[in-house]
Protein backbone atom coordinates (compact mmCIF):
# COMPACT_ATOMS: atom_id res chain seq x y z
CA MET A 1 111.58 121.02 76.15
CA SER A 2 110.73 120.87 79.33
CA GLU A 3 110.44 117.23 80.24
CA LYS A 4 106.95 115.58 81.49
CA ALA A 5 105.28 116.05 84.91
CA GLN A 6 106.04 112.70 86.84
CA GLY A 7 101.86 111.83 86.83
CA PHE A 8 102.64 111.69 82.63
CA GLU A 9 105.29 109.14 82.35
CA GLU A 10 103.94 105.65 80.03
CA TYR A 11 103.71 102.96 82.29
CA THR A 12 102.05 99.70 81.24
CA PRO A 13 101.28 97.39 84.36
CA SER A 14 101.21 93.71 84.59
CA ARG A 15 98.34 91.37 83.64
CA LEU A 16 98.20 91.04 88.14
CA GLU A 17 98.59 94.57 88.85
CA TRP A 18 95.93 95.74 86.14
CA LEU A 19 93.44 92.93 87.41
CA ILE A 20 94.07 94.05 90.65
CA VAL A 21 93.31 97.35 89.82
CA MET A 22 90.25 96.66 88.65
CA LEU A 23 89.53 94.13 91.52
CA ASN A 24 89.71 96.55 93.85
CA SER A 25 87.95 99.59 91.96
CA MET A 26 84.41 97.35 91.45
CA ILE A 27 84.96 96.00 95.24
CA GLN A 28 82.60 98.14 96.38
CA TYR A 29 79.34 96.68 94.20
CA ALA A 30 80.04 93.36 96.11
CA ASN A 31 77.81 94.48 98.90
CA THR A 32 80.89 95.65 101.20
CA VAL A 33 80.92 99.46 102.13
CA PRO A 34 83.18 101.11 104.95
CA GLY A 35 81.49 99.98 108.16
CA ASN A 36 79.64 96.59 107.09
CA ASP A 37 80.57 93.79 108.59
CA VAL A 38 84.21 93.05 106.62
CA GLU A 39 86.19 95.69 103.30
CA TYR A 40 88.37 93.67 101.61
CA MET A 41 91.17 94.85 99.83
CA TYR A 42 93.43 92.69 96.76
CA THR A 43 97.67 93.28 96.67
CA LEU A 44 100.13 91.76 94.52
CA GLY A 45 101.75 88.50 95.84
CA GLY A 46 104.60 87.59 95.12
CA ASP A 47 105.53 84.99 92.63
CA GLY A 48 103.37 86.89 89.48
CA ASN A 49 100.74 84.69 89.97
CA THR A 50 99.03 85.55 93.22
CA ILE A 51 96.89 88.38 94.14
CA VAL A 52 96.67 88.43 98.41
CA MET A 53 92.56 88.95 99.22
CA ARG A 54 92.76 91.26 102.37
CA MET A 55 89.81 90.44 105.05
CA ARG A 56 89.18 93.63 107.86
CA HIS A 57 86.13 92.48 109.64
CA PHE A 58 84.40 92.25 113.19
CA ASP A 59 86.51 89.74 115.64
CA ASP A 60 83.28 88.38 116.92
CA MET A 61 81.74 87.29 113.16
CA SER A 62 81.36 83.47 113.28
CA PRO A 63 83.91 81.50 111.44
CA GLU A 64 80.76 80.09 108.82
CA TYR A 65 79.20 83.56 108.28
CA LEU A 66 83.31 84.34 107.66
CA LYS A 67 84.18 81.94 105.45
CA THR A 68 81.06 83.15 103.38
CA LEU A 69 82.09 86.24 103.39
CA GLU A 70 86.08 84.98 102.33
CA ASP A 71 84.25 82.61 99.66
CA THR A 72 82.35 86.31 98.10
CA GLY A 73 85.50 87.53 97.57
CA LYS A 74 87.81 84.76 96.15
CA ASN A 75 84.77 84.48 94.22
CA PHE A 76 84.40 87.87 92.28
CA ALA A 77 87.94 88.07 91.29
CA PHE A 78 88.33 84.24 89.98
CA THR A 79 85.00 86.17 88.16
CA LEU A 80 86.50 89.43 87.06
CA ALA A 81 89.98 87.24 85.67
CA LYS A 82 87.67 84.67 84.05
CA THR A 83 86.62 87.72 82.06
CA TYR A 84 90.10 88.35 80.65
CA ASN A 85 90.71 85.09 80.15
CA TRP A 86 93.19 84.59 83.56
CA ASP A 87 91.66 82.92 85.65
CA SER A 88 93.64 79.63 84.66
CA TRP A 89 96.54 80.85 86.30
CA ILE A 90 95.67 83.06 89.34
CA ASN A 91 95.87 82.14 93.01
CA ILE A 92 94.49 83.78 95.82
CA GLN A 93 95.14 83.80 99.19
CA THR A 94 93.57 85.06 102.14
CA GLN A 95 94.50 87.31 104.70
CA LEU A 96 92.94 87.61 108.32
CA VAL A 97 92.92 90.46 109.64
CA PRO A 98 90.00 91.13 112.35
CA ILE A 99 89.19 93.97 114.03
CA ASP A 100 87.16 94.60 117.67
CA ARG A 101 84.12 95.63 116.38
CA PRO A 102 82.90 99.61 117.81
CA GLN A 103 80.50 100.17 120.95
CA LYS A 104 77.57 101.06 120.37
CA LYS A 105 76.95 104.35 121.87
């Protein structure tokens, strides 16, 4: 009998892994697309309760606007966690990654 291909092997994700997959697949609906002011990516933290929200943003953004975008990303994550009743144990850390704004041609 042949073995299953690696892609068909069973795997049960943790709650945190599942939430991160859902967040990364749905963040496009929070008015973020490549080339906009910010791009979000959610990854696992190290303790089993933490999500790291990585925000790539243009380095010339005002701190006030950046804070608004950070709050948007966190609220999005907590709202999704709340649909699973997981919001009571989720922590979100922010990692800011400034990038240069491309020069207009």
